[in-house]
Amino acid sequence: MTTVIMVTWEYPPHLVGGLARHVHALSRELAAQGHDVHVLTRSGPGLPAEAMEDGVHVVRVAPYFQEPSDFRLWVCHLNYALMEAGARLAGQVTGPAVVHAHDWLVAYAARGIKSLFHMPLVATIHATEHGRHNGIHDQGQKYINDVEWWLTYEAWRVVVCSQAMRGEVQWLFGLNDDKVQVIPNGIDLKAAVNGPFPPRQQFAAPGEKLIFHIGRLVPEKGVAVLLEAMPHVLKRHHARLVVAGTGPFGDELRRRAHQLGLGDRVSFVGWVDDATAHALYSYADVAVVPSTYEPFGIVALEAMAAGAPLVASDVGGLSEIVRHGENGLKALPGHAISLAEQIERLLTDRALSRRLAGAALHEVQTKYTWAGIARTTAELYDQIITECSQTEWGTLRFAQPLPPRVESLGLHEPDSRSDGTVEGASGSWPGRYTM
């Protein structure tokens, strides 16, 4: 049995992007397979400071002291609290253990735990600042890029979700081949989605084809390209585009839809719960993932698992998930005409849609299960622990007597305010940052 200390800035019920769902599913499955899994993450209103959830020990902390002036400073304050809780926890661990950090936002805490307790560090890079912005354009982005480099430097092994991301992190951060391992994201096919499910007529009229997209409303998700494609689709099809999700680009996308004359053919429905998302996938004649940058594309797996015919950009991890004409269709990234052509193919050829959707469902059932992904991750942990134990640095982990084991970390639950911020000795922060 391996002790795993997961460090993440988001974890359910905090859902900013796909990272929280990834860490939750991986942690839960590792615990189910017999590993001792602890998650260190941020707190929130009404959430316990410490709890067992799905077999995982979850510790939630509030950022240190006062409201910071910007998000990067808030991240530092969060890391101070994460490292304090991590030090208390790591001091109780007596057997094989690893620290697993998820993205740059927890780099300081993860590196601190690694150094204090001589636990090898695994870092999963879910996306890069360079990739999100198609380059580094200001000092804020450079700072994040530098922390990402530092995290990969400090890690014993770097995990990415696709071959495309492998090439990206190796190029950006100068990593050798043997330091990077590809382990894909997964999807939980057994998770129950509880109703009530909204009826189809809530989103589209009878006889109206339904085109569905879900994701954060940020430029790299490509919704602007999808909007540009819609006038071409509407020339031949009576259809409606339903866009689910929130984000800082939302107002701009609504303005662009109005400029394109799509006001009555596009519905921005905002955040939707799992039941509504599941219903929309099942109602969709086409699900579209038009990203211009996508390290993996877990929404593509969600569409495939729900049986929705899929069109995706030929970019990043999507290029590896979707095989054109076999389990979906691919469009040129950032190219509205190409995207429109592929959407029209599925709207026109229903036999093709059914064949691709069936092949896609079979693939996610056999290739992208969290049980298999957890086993691969645990094998990586074992390999790293063995390598570490053979070094002088690794043997220092047990050179000093450990402090007495305690039954609880002794954390206090922060007070919460009705506006969603966390208040108390650790200060407050609204948590509205979007990756």
Protein backbone atom coordinates (compact mmCIF):
# COMPACT_ATOMS: atom_id res chain seq x y z
CA MET A 1 0.00 0.00 0.00
CA THR A 2 1.26 3.45 -0.94
CA THR A 3 0.37 6.65 0.88
CA VAL A 4 -0.50 9.37 -1.63
CA ILE A 5 -0.72 13.04 -0.68
CA MET A 6 -2.63 14.77 -3.48
CA VAL A 7 -2.30 18.55 -3.55
CA THR A 8 -4.82 20.46 -5.66
CA TRP A 9 -6.31 23.94 -5.66
CA GLU A 10 -9.73 22.67 -6.79
CA TYR A 11 -11.67 19.61 -5.70
CA PRO A 12 -15.42 18.92 -5.61
CA PRO A 13 -17.57 20.81 -4.92
CA HIS A 14 -15.15 23.46 -6.28
CA LEU A 15 -15.29 22.87 -10.05
CA VAL A 16 -13.43 25.39 -12.20
CA GLY A 17 -12.32 23.13 -15.02
CA GLY A 18 -11.63 19.47 -15.55
CA LEU A 19 -8.84 19.31 -12.96
CA ALA A 20 -11.16 18.85 -9.97
CA ARG A 21 -13.02 15.95 -11.58
CA HIS A 22 -9.71 14.35 -12.59
CA VAL A 23 -8.25 14.48 -9.07
CA HIS A 24 -11.51 13.31 -7.50
CA ALA A 25 -11.89 10.31 -9.80
CA LEU A 26 -8.22 9.30 -9.57
CA SER A 27 -8.12 9.65 -5.77
CA ARG A 28 -11.33 7.69 -5.29
CA GLU A 29 -10.16 4.85 -7.54
CA LEU A 30 -6.71 4.67 -5.93
CA ALA A 31 -8.41 4.40 -2.53
CA ALA A 32 -10.71 1.67 -3.85
CA GLN A 33 -7.62 -0.25 -4.95
CA GLY A 34 -6.23 -0.21 -1.40
CA HIS A 35 -3.99 2.87 -1.30
CA ASP A 36 -4.03 5.42 1.52
CA VAL A 37 -5.07 8.62 -0.26
CA HIS A 38 -5.14 12.11 1.25
CA VAL A 39 -6.24 15.22 -0.64
CA LEU A 40 -5.10 18.68 0.44
CA THR A 41 -7.24 21.41 -1.10
CA ARG A 42 -8.96 24.73 -0.40
CA SER A 43 -11.94 25.20 1.85
CA GLY A 44 -15.33 26.71 1.16
CA PRO A 45 -18.55 27.72 2.87
CA GLY A 46 -20.14 24.86 4.75
CA LEU A 47 -17.36 22.39 3.94
CA PRO A 48 -15.70 20.46 6.79
CA ALA A 49 -12.02 21.05 7.45
CA GLU A 50 -11.43 17.30 7.47
CA ALA A 51 -13.58 14.41 6.25
CA MET A 52 -13.58 10.97 4.67
CA GLU A 53 -15.20 11.18 1.23
CA ASP A 54 -15.48 8.13 -1.05
CA GLY A 55 -12.67 6.44 0.88
CA VAL A 56 -10.40 9.50 0.53
CA HIS A 57 -9.18 11.60 3.46
CA VAL A 58 -9.88 15.20 2.38
CA VAL A 59 -8.31 18.13 4.24
CA ARG A 60 -9.51 21.63 3.31
CA VAL A 61 -7.73 24.83 4.33
CA ALA A 62 -8.31 28.55 3.94
CA PRO A 63 -5.59 30.85 2.53
CA TYR A 64 -3.47 32.69 5.06
CA PHE A 65 -4.25 36.14 6.42
CA GLN A 66 -6.13 39.05 4.87
CA GLU A 67 -7.47 39.51 1.36
CA PRO A 68 -4.59 39.65 -1.13
CA SER A 69 -4.37 42.21 -3.92
CA ASP A 70 -4.25 39.74 -6.81
CA PHE A 71 -4.75 36.09 -7.64
CA ARG A 72 -1.07 35.12 -7.63
CA LEU A 73 -0.67 36.42 -4.09
CA TRP A 74 -3.82 34.51 -3.08
CA VAL A 75 -2.21 31.37 -4.50
CA CYS A 76 0.84 31.95 -2.29
CA HIS A 77 -1.39 32.41 0.78
CA LEU A 78 -3.21 29.18 -0.09
CA ASN A 79 0.10 27.34 -0.45
CA TYR A 80 1.23 28.43 3.02
CA ALA A 81 -1.90 26.83 4.51
CA LEU A 82 -1.62 23.72 2.31
CA MET A 83 2.00 23.21 3.31
CA GLU A 84 1.18 23.55 7.03
CA ALA A 85 -1.55 20.91 6.75
CA GLY A 86 0.69 18.78 4.55
CA ALA A 87 3.52 18.90 7.07
CA ARG A 88 1.21 17.71 9.85
CA LEU A 89 -0.05 14.91 7.65
CA ALA A 90 3.31 13.84 6.21
CA GLY A 91 4.77 13.64 9.69
CA GLN A 92 2.36 10.79 10.44
CA VAL A 93 3.28 8.70 7.39
CA THR A 94 5.69 5.84 8.10
CA GLY A 95 5.64 3.77 4.90
CA PRO A 96 6.12 4.30 1.15
CA ALA A 97 4.68 7.64 0.12
CA VAL A 98 4.55 10.17 -2.70
CA VAL A 99 3.38 13.75 -3.05
CA HIS A 100 1.30 14.34 -6.18
CA ALA A 101 0.84 17.98 -7.25
CA HIS A 102 -1.69 19.10 -9.83
CA ASP A 103 -0.61 22.19 -11.80
CA TRP A 104 1.42 25.23 -10.80
CA LEU A 105 -1.08 26.57 -8.29
CA VAL A 106 0.13 24.14 -5.59
CA ALA A 107 3.82 24.05 -6.53
CA TYR A 108 5.08 25.78 -3.38
CA ALA A 109 3.23 23.51 -0.95
CA ALA A 110 4.10 20.31 -2.82
CA ARG A 111 7.76 21.23 -3.06
CA GLY A 112 7.82 22.12 0.64
CA ILE A 113 6.37 18.75 1.67
CA LYS A 114 8.79 16.97 -0.66
CA SER A 115 11.81 18.75 0.80
CA LEU A 116 10.81 18.53 4.46
CA PHE A 117 9.97 14.83 4.43
CA HIS A 118 12.05 13.52 1.51
CA MET A 119 8.99 12.22 -0.29
CA PRO A 120 9.33 11.98 -4.07
CA LEU A 121 7.19 14.46 -5.97
CA VAL A 122 4.96 13.65 -8.94
CA ALA A 123 3.60 16.62 -10.90
CA THR A 124 0.68 16.40 -13.30
CA ILE A 125 0.62 19.29 -15.76
CA HIS A 126 -2.96 19.59 -16.97
CA ALA A 127 -2.30 22.63 -19.19
CA THR A 128 0.39 25.28 -19.61
CA GLU A 129 0.19 29.05 -19.48
CA HIS A 130 1.98 29.20 -22.83
CA GLY A 131 -0.57 26.89 -24.40
CA ARG A 132 -3.60 28.67 -22.96
CA HIS A 133 -2.48 32.03 -24.36
CA ASN A 134 -0.59 30.87 -27.45
CA GLY A 135 2.61 32.31 -26.03
CA ILE A 136 3.85 34.33 -23.06
CA HIS A 137 2.80 37.96 -23.51
CA ASP A 138 3.20 39.73 -20.15
CA GLN A 139 4.92 39.50 -16.79
CA GLY A 140 1.99 37.76 -15.12
CA GLN A 141 2.05 34.97 -17.67
CA LYS A 142 5.84 34.76 -17.44
CA TYR A 143 5.58 34.31 -13.66
CA ILE A 144 3.19 31.38 -14.05
CA ASN A 145 5.31 29.87 -16.81
CA ASP A 146 8.37 30.09 -14.56
CA VAL A 147 6.54 28.38 -11.67
CA GLU A 148 5.45 25.62 -14.05
CA TRP A 149 9.07 25.12 -15.10
CA TRP A 150 10.15 25.03 -11.45
CA LEU A 151 7.49 22.45 -10.57
CA THR A 152 8.61 20.14 -13.39
CA TYR A 153 12.24 20.63 -12.33
CA GLU A 154 11.43 19.64 -8.72
CA ALA A 155 9.31 16.64 -9.72
CA TRP A 156 10.72 13.11 -9.86
CA ARG A 157 8.36 12.45 -12.72
CA VAL A 158 5.99 14.65 -14.75
CA VAL A 159 2.63 13.22 -15.85
CA VAL A 160 0.70 14.56 -18.84
CA CYS A 161 -2.54 13.38 -20.40
CA SER A 162 -1.56 13.12 -24.08
CA GLN A 163 1.37 12.79 -26.46
CA ALA A 164 0.67 16.35 -27.59
CA MET A 165 1.13 17.59 -24.01
CA ARG A 166 4.28 15.49 -23.69
CA GLY A 167 5.81 17.33 -26.61
CA GLU A 168 4.63 20.67 -25.25
CA VAL A 169 6.14 20.31 -21.77
CA GLN A 170 9.37 18.84 -23.09
CA TRP A 171 9.78 21.78 -25.47
CA LEU A 172 8.75 24.45 -22.95
CA PHE A 173 10.61 23.17 -19.90
CA GLY A 174 13.53 21.23 -21.38
CA LEU A 175 12.53 17.85 -19.98
CA ASN A 176 14.17 14.58 -20.95
CA ASP A 177 12.08 11.75 -22.40
CA ASP A 178 12.46 9.57 -19.31
CA LYS A 179 11.08 12.27 -17.00
CA VAL A 180 7.66 12.52 -18.68
CA GLN A 181 4.95 9.85 -18.67
CA VAL A 182 1.66 9.96 -20.56
CA ILE A 183 -1.38 8.76 -18.59
CA PRO A 184 -4.70 9.73 -20.19
CA ASN A 185 -7.70 11.18 -18.45
CA GLY A 186 -10.66 8.91 -17.89
CA ILE A 187 -14.38 8.91 -17.44
CA ASP A 188 -16.57 7.25 -14.84
CA LEU A 189 -19.09 5.18 -16.77
CA LYS A 190 -20.62 3.83 -13.56
CA ALA A 191 -21.45 7.21 -12.02
CA ALA A 192 -25.18 7.56 -11.54
CA VAL A 193 -26.70 10.72 -12.99
CA ASN A 194 -29.83 11.51 -11.01
CA GLY A 195 -32.75 13.40 -12.47
CA PRO A 196 -35.09 15.05 -12.85
CA PHE A 197 -34.03 15.48 -16.46
CA PRO A 198 -35.30 18.57 -18.28
CA PRO A 199 -37.36 17.85 -21.42
CA ARG A 200 -35.86 18.39 -24.87
CA GLN A 201 -38.39 21.12 -25.71
CA GLN A 202 -36.82 23.25 -22.99
CA PHE A 203 -33.80 23.65 -25.31
CA ALA A 204 -35.03 23.06 -28.87
CA ALA A 205 -38.34 23.08 -30.71
CA PRO A 206 -39.77 19.93 -32.30
CA GLY A 207 -38.05 19.30 -35.62
CA GLU A 208 -35.14 21.55 -34.68
CA LYS A 209 -31.69 19.89 -34.77
CA LEU A 210 -29.77 20.38 -31.53
CA ILE A 211 -26.04 21.20 -31.63
CA PHE A 212 -24.47 21.12 -28.17
CA HIS A 213 -21.26 22.49 -26.65
CA ILE A 214 -20.26 22.56 -22.99
CA GLY A 215 -17.15 24.10 -21.46
CA ARG A 216 -15.60 27.16 -19.89
CA LEU A 217 -16.24 30.34 -21.86
CA VAL A 218 -12.61 31.24 -22.54
CA PRO A 219 -11.00 31.94 -25.94
CA GLU A 220 -9.07 28.67 -26.25
CA LYS A 221 -12.28 26.58 -26.06
CA GLY A 222 -13.18 27.83 -29.54
CA VAL A 223 -16.81 28.85 -29.05
CA ALA A 224 -16.16 31.93 -31.19
CA VAL A 225 -15.21 29.61 -34.07
CA LEU A 226 -18.39 27.61 -33.51
CA LEU A 227 -20.47 30.79 -33.69
CA GLU A 228 -18.76 31.73 -36.97
CA ALA A 229 -19.64 28.27 -38.33
CA MET A 230 -23.33 28.48 -37.45
CA PRO A 231 -24.51 30.76 -40.32
CA HIS A 232 -23.12 28.19 -42.79
CA VAL A 233 -24.89 25.34 -40.98
CA LEU A 234 -28.18 27.25 -40.83
CA LYS A 235 -28.26 27.74 -44.59
CA ARG A 236 -29.12 24.04 -44.95
CA HIS A 237 -30.46 22.95 -41.56
CA HIS A 238 -33.12 24.07 -39.13
CA ALA A 239 -30.96 23.88 -36.03
CA ARG A 240 -30.21 25.44 -32.65
CA LEU A 241 -26.88 25.75 -30.88
CA VAL A 242 -26.97 25.28 -27.11
CA VAL A 243 -23.87 26.51 -25.25
CA ALA A 244 -23.50 25.48 -21.60
CA GLY A 245 -20.86 26.92 -19.28
CA THR A 246 -19.65 30.15 -17.77
CA GLY A 247 -16.48 32.19 -18.03
CA PRO A 248 -14.96 35.63 -18.63
CA PHE A 249 -15.50 35.45 -22.40
CA GLY A 250 -19.27 35.01 -22.09
CA ASP A 251 -20.35 38.61 -22.76
CA GLU A 252 -18.09 38.86 -25.81
CA LEU A 253 -19.53 35.63 -27.21
CA ARG A 254 -23.08 36.86 -26.75
CA ARG A 255 -22.22 40.11 -28.57
CA ARG A 256 -20.67 38.14 -31.43
CA ALA A 257 -23.73 35.91 -31.70
CA HIS A 258 -25.88 39.04 -32.01
CA GLN A 259 -23.57 40.52 -34.67
CA LEU A 260 -23.85 37.29 -36.69
CA GLY A 261 -27.64 37.42 -36.52
CA LEU A 262 -27.85 34.27 -34.43
CA GLY A 263 -29.88 35.68 -31.59
CA ASP A 264 -32.80 33.28 -31.94
CA ARG A 265 -30.69 30.29 -33.01
CA VAL A 266 -28.19 30.24 -30.12
CA SER A 267 -28.98 29.64 -26.45
CA PHE A 268 -26.38 30.41 -23.77
CA VAL A 269 -27.74 28.42 -20.82
CA GLY A 270 -24.92 29.05 -18.33
CA TRP A 271 -23.78 26.50 -15.77
CA VAL A 272 -25.74 23.24 -15.85
CA ASP A 273 -25.79 20.38 -13.38
CA ASP A 274 -24.78 16.83 -14.27
CA ALA A 275 -28.34 15.72 -14.96
CA THR A 276 -28.94 18.57 -17.41
CA ALA A 277 -25.59 18.01 -19.13
CA HIS A 278 -26.37 14.30 -19.48
CA ALA A 279 -29.78 15.14 -20.94
CA LEU A 280 -28.30 17.60 -23.43
CA TYR A 281 -25.75 15.05 -24.62
CA SER A 282 -28.53 12.52 -25.13
CA TYR A 283 -30.69 15.05 -27.03
CA ALA A 284 -27.82 16.35 -29.18
CA ASP A 285 -27.75 15.58 -32.88
CA VAL A 286 -24.12 16.73 -32.76
CA ALA A 287 -21.79 17.51 -29.83
CA VAL A 288 -19.01 19.91 -30.77
CA VAL A 289 -15.61 20.45 -29.12
CA PRO A 290 -14.07 23.29 -31.21
CA SER A 291 -11.02 24.04 -29.02
CA THR A 292 -8.02 25.84 -30.42
CA TYR A 293 -5.88 24.53 -27.52
CA GLU A 294 -6.74 21.32 -25.68
CA PRO A 295 -4.26 19.20 -23.72
CA PHE A 296 -6.75 16.34 -23.56
CA GLY A 297 -10.43 17.14 -23.95
CA ILE A 298 -12.40 15.27 -21.31
CA VAL A 299 -15.64 16.77 -22.65
CA ALA A 300 -15.02 14.73 -25.80
CA LEU A 301 -15.01 11.57 -23.65
CA GLU A 302 -18.22 12.72 -21.96
CA ALA A 303 -19.91 13.14 -25.34
CA MET A 304 -18.65 9.74 -26.50
CA ALA A 305 -19.79 8.05 -23.29
CA ALA A 306 -23.26 9.59 -23.65
CA GLY A 307 -23.62 8.34 -27.22
CA ALA A 308 -23.57 11.79 -28.83
CA PRO A 309 -22.13 12.04 -32.37
CA LEU A 310 -18.96 14.12 -32.05
CA VAL A 311 -17.13 16.79 -34.04
CA ALA A 312 -13.85 17.99 -32.54
CA SER A 313 -10.91 20.16 -33.53
CA ASP A 314 -7.85 18.35 -34.81
CA VAL A 315 -5.66 19.78 -32.07
CA GLY A 316 -3.73 18.60 -28.99
CA GLY A 317 -5.18 15.68 -27.10
CA LEU A 318 -8.36 15.76 -29.17
CA SER A 319 -6.34 14.59 -32.15
CA GLU A 320 -5.47 11.42 -30.24
CA ILE A 321 -8.96 10.74 -28.85
CA VAL A 322 -10.90 11.30 -32.09
CA ARG A 323 -10.08 9.31 -35.21
CA HIS A 324 -11.70 10.92 -38.22
CA GLY A 325 -14.40 8.74 -39.72
CA GLU A 326 -13.98 6.01 -37.09
CA ASN A 327 -15.29 7.36 -33.77
CA GLY A 328 -16.02 10.97 -34.69
CA LEU A 329 -15.17 13.71 -37.17
CA LYS A 330 -12.34 16.24 -36.96
CA ALA A 331 -12.21 19.82 -38.20
CA LEU A 332 -9.29 22.14 -38.77
CA PRO A 333 -8.68 24.11 -35.55
CA GLY A 334 -9.84 27.71 -35.71
CA HIS A 335 -11.45 27.17 -39.16
CA ALA A 336 -15.18 27.97 -39.19
CA ILE A 337 -15.88 26.56 -42.67
CA SER A 338 -14.17 23.25 -41.87
CA LEU A 339 -16.13 23.02 -38.61
CA ALA A 340 -19.42 23.77 -40.38
CA GLU A 341 -18.75 21.10 -43.00
CA GLN A 342 -18.19 18.39 -40.38
CA ILE A 343 -21.27 19.41 -38.38
CA GLU A 344 -23.35 19.29 -41.57
CA ARG A 345 -22.09 15.79 -42.39
CA LEU A 346 -23.47 14.45 -39.13
CA LEU A 347 -26.72 16.37 -39.39
CA THR A 348 -27.25 15.04 -42.92
CA ASP A 349 -26.01 11.44 -42.66
CA ARG A 350 -27.76 9.84 -39.71
CA ALA A 351 -26.35 6.39 -40.46
CA LEU A 352 -22.85 7.82 -40.21
CA SER A 353 -23.77 9.54 -36.94
CA ARG A 354 -25.03 6.29 -35.40
CA ARG A 355 -22.00 4.31 -36.56
CA LEU A 356 -19.49 6.83 -35.17
CA ALA A 357 -21.36 7.22 -31.88
CA GLY A 358 -21.47 3.44 -31.37
CA ALA A 359 -17.75 3.06 -32.03
CA ALA A 360 -16.97 5.95 -29.68
CA LEU A 361 -19.02 4.46 -26.84
CA HIS A 362 -17.25 1.11 -27.19
CA GLU A 363 -13.87 2.84 -27.07
CA VAL A 364 -14.48 4.77 -23.85
CA GLN A 365 -15.81 1.60 -22.24
CA THR A 366 -12.56 -0.23 -22.93
CA LYS A 367 -9.79 2.40 -23.00
CA TYR A 368 -10.61 5.28 -20.68
CA THR A 369 -11.71 3.68 -17.41
CA TRP A 370 -10.48 5.21 -14.16
CA ALA A 371 -9.72 1.77 -12.75
CA GLY A 372 -7.09 1.17 -15.43
CA ILE A 373 -5.73 4.70 -15.17
CA ALA A 374 -5.39 4.35 -11.38
CA ARG A 375 -3.50 1.07 -11.77
CA THR A 376 -1.08 2.70 -14.22
CA THR A 377 -0.61 5.64 -11.83
CA ALA A 378 0.03 3.31 -8.88
CA GLU A 379 2.64 1.45 -10.92
CA LEU A 380 4.35 4.77 -11.57
CA TYR A 381 4.31 5.54 -7.82
CA ASP A 382 5.94 2.16 -7.09
CA GLN A 383 8.63 2.77 -9.68
CA ILE A 384 9.41 6.22 -8.31
CA ILE A 385 9.50 5.05 -4.69
CA THR A 386 11.92 2.26 -5.64
CA GLU A 387 14.17 4.67 -7.52
CA CYS A 388 14.06 7.19 -4.68
CA SER A 389 14.89 4.59 -2.02
CA GLN A 390 18.14 3.82 -3.83
CA THR A 391 19.41 7.40 -3.53
CA GLU A 392 21.06 9.12 -0.60
CA TRP A 393 18.33 11.76 -0.65
CA GLY A 394 15.62 9.12 -0.37
CA THR A 395 17.23 7.34 2.58
CA LEU A 396 17.16 10.58 4.58
CA ARG A 397 13.38 10.24 4.85
CA PHE A 398 13.71 7.79 7.75
CA ALA A 399 16.95 9.15 9.22
CA GLN A 400 15.15 11.18 11.91
CA PRO A 401 12.49 9.90 14.33
CA LEU A 402 8.99 10.83 13.28
CA PRO A 403 6.70 12.83 15.57
CA PRO A 404 4.03 10.91 17.50
CA ARG A 405 1.02 9.95 15.44
CA VAL A 406 -2.12 11.93 16.22
CA GLU A 407 -5.69 11.02 15.44
CA SER A 408 -6.62 14.30 13.74
CA LEU A 409 -4.79 17.12 12.05
CA GLY A 410 -6.50 19.49 14.45
CA LEU A 411 -7.62 21.88 11.78
CA HIS A 412 -10.40 24.36 12.45
CA GLU A 413 -13.20 24.92 10.02
CA PRO A 414 -13.14 28.50 8.69
CA ASP A 415 -16.14 30.73 9.02
CA SER A 416 -17.99 31.41 5.80
CA ARG A 417 -19.91 34.36 4.41
CA SER A 418 -23.07 34.32 2.35
CA ASP A 419 -21.28 35.78 -0.70
CA GLY A 420 -19.26 32.57 -1.14
CA THR A 421 -15.94 33.85 0.22
CA VAL A 422 -14.14 32.17 3.09
CA GLU A 423 -13.58 34.42 6.08
CA GLY A 424 -11.52 34.13 9.24
CA ALA A 425 -7.94 34.26 10.43
CA SER A 426 -6.87 33.14 7.00
CA GLY A 427 -8.60 35.99 5.17
CA SER A 428 -10.95 35.76 2.20
CA TRP A 429 -10.94 35.39 -1.56
CA PRO A 430 -13.90 34.99 -3.91
CA GLY A 431 -12.25 32.31 -6.03
CA ARG A 432 -13.50 33.61 -9.39
CA TYR A 433 -10.29 32.98 -11.31
CA THR A 434 -10.83 30.99 -14.52
CA MET A 435 -8.06 28.97 -16.03
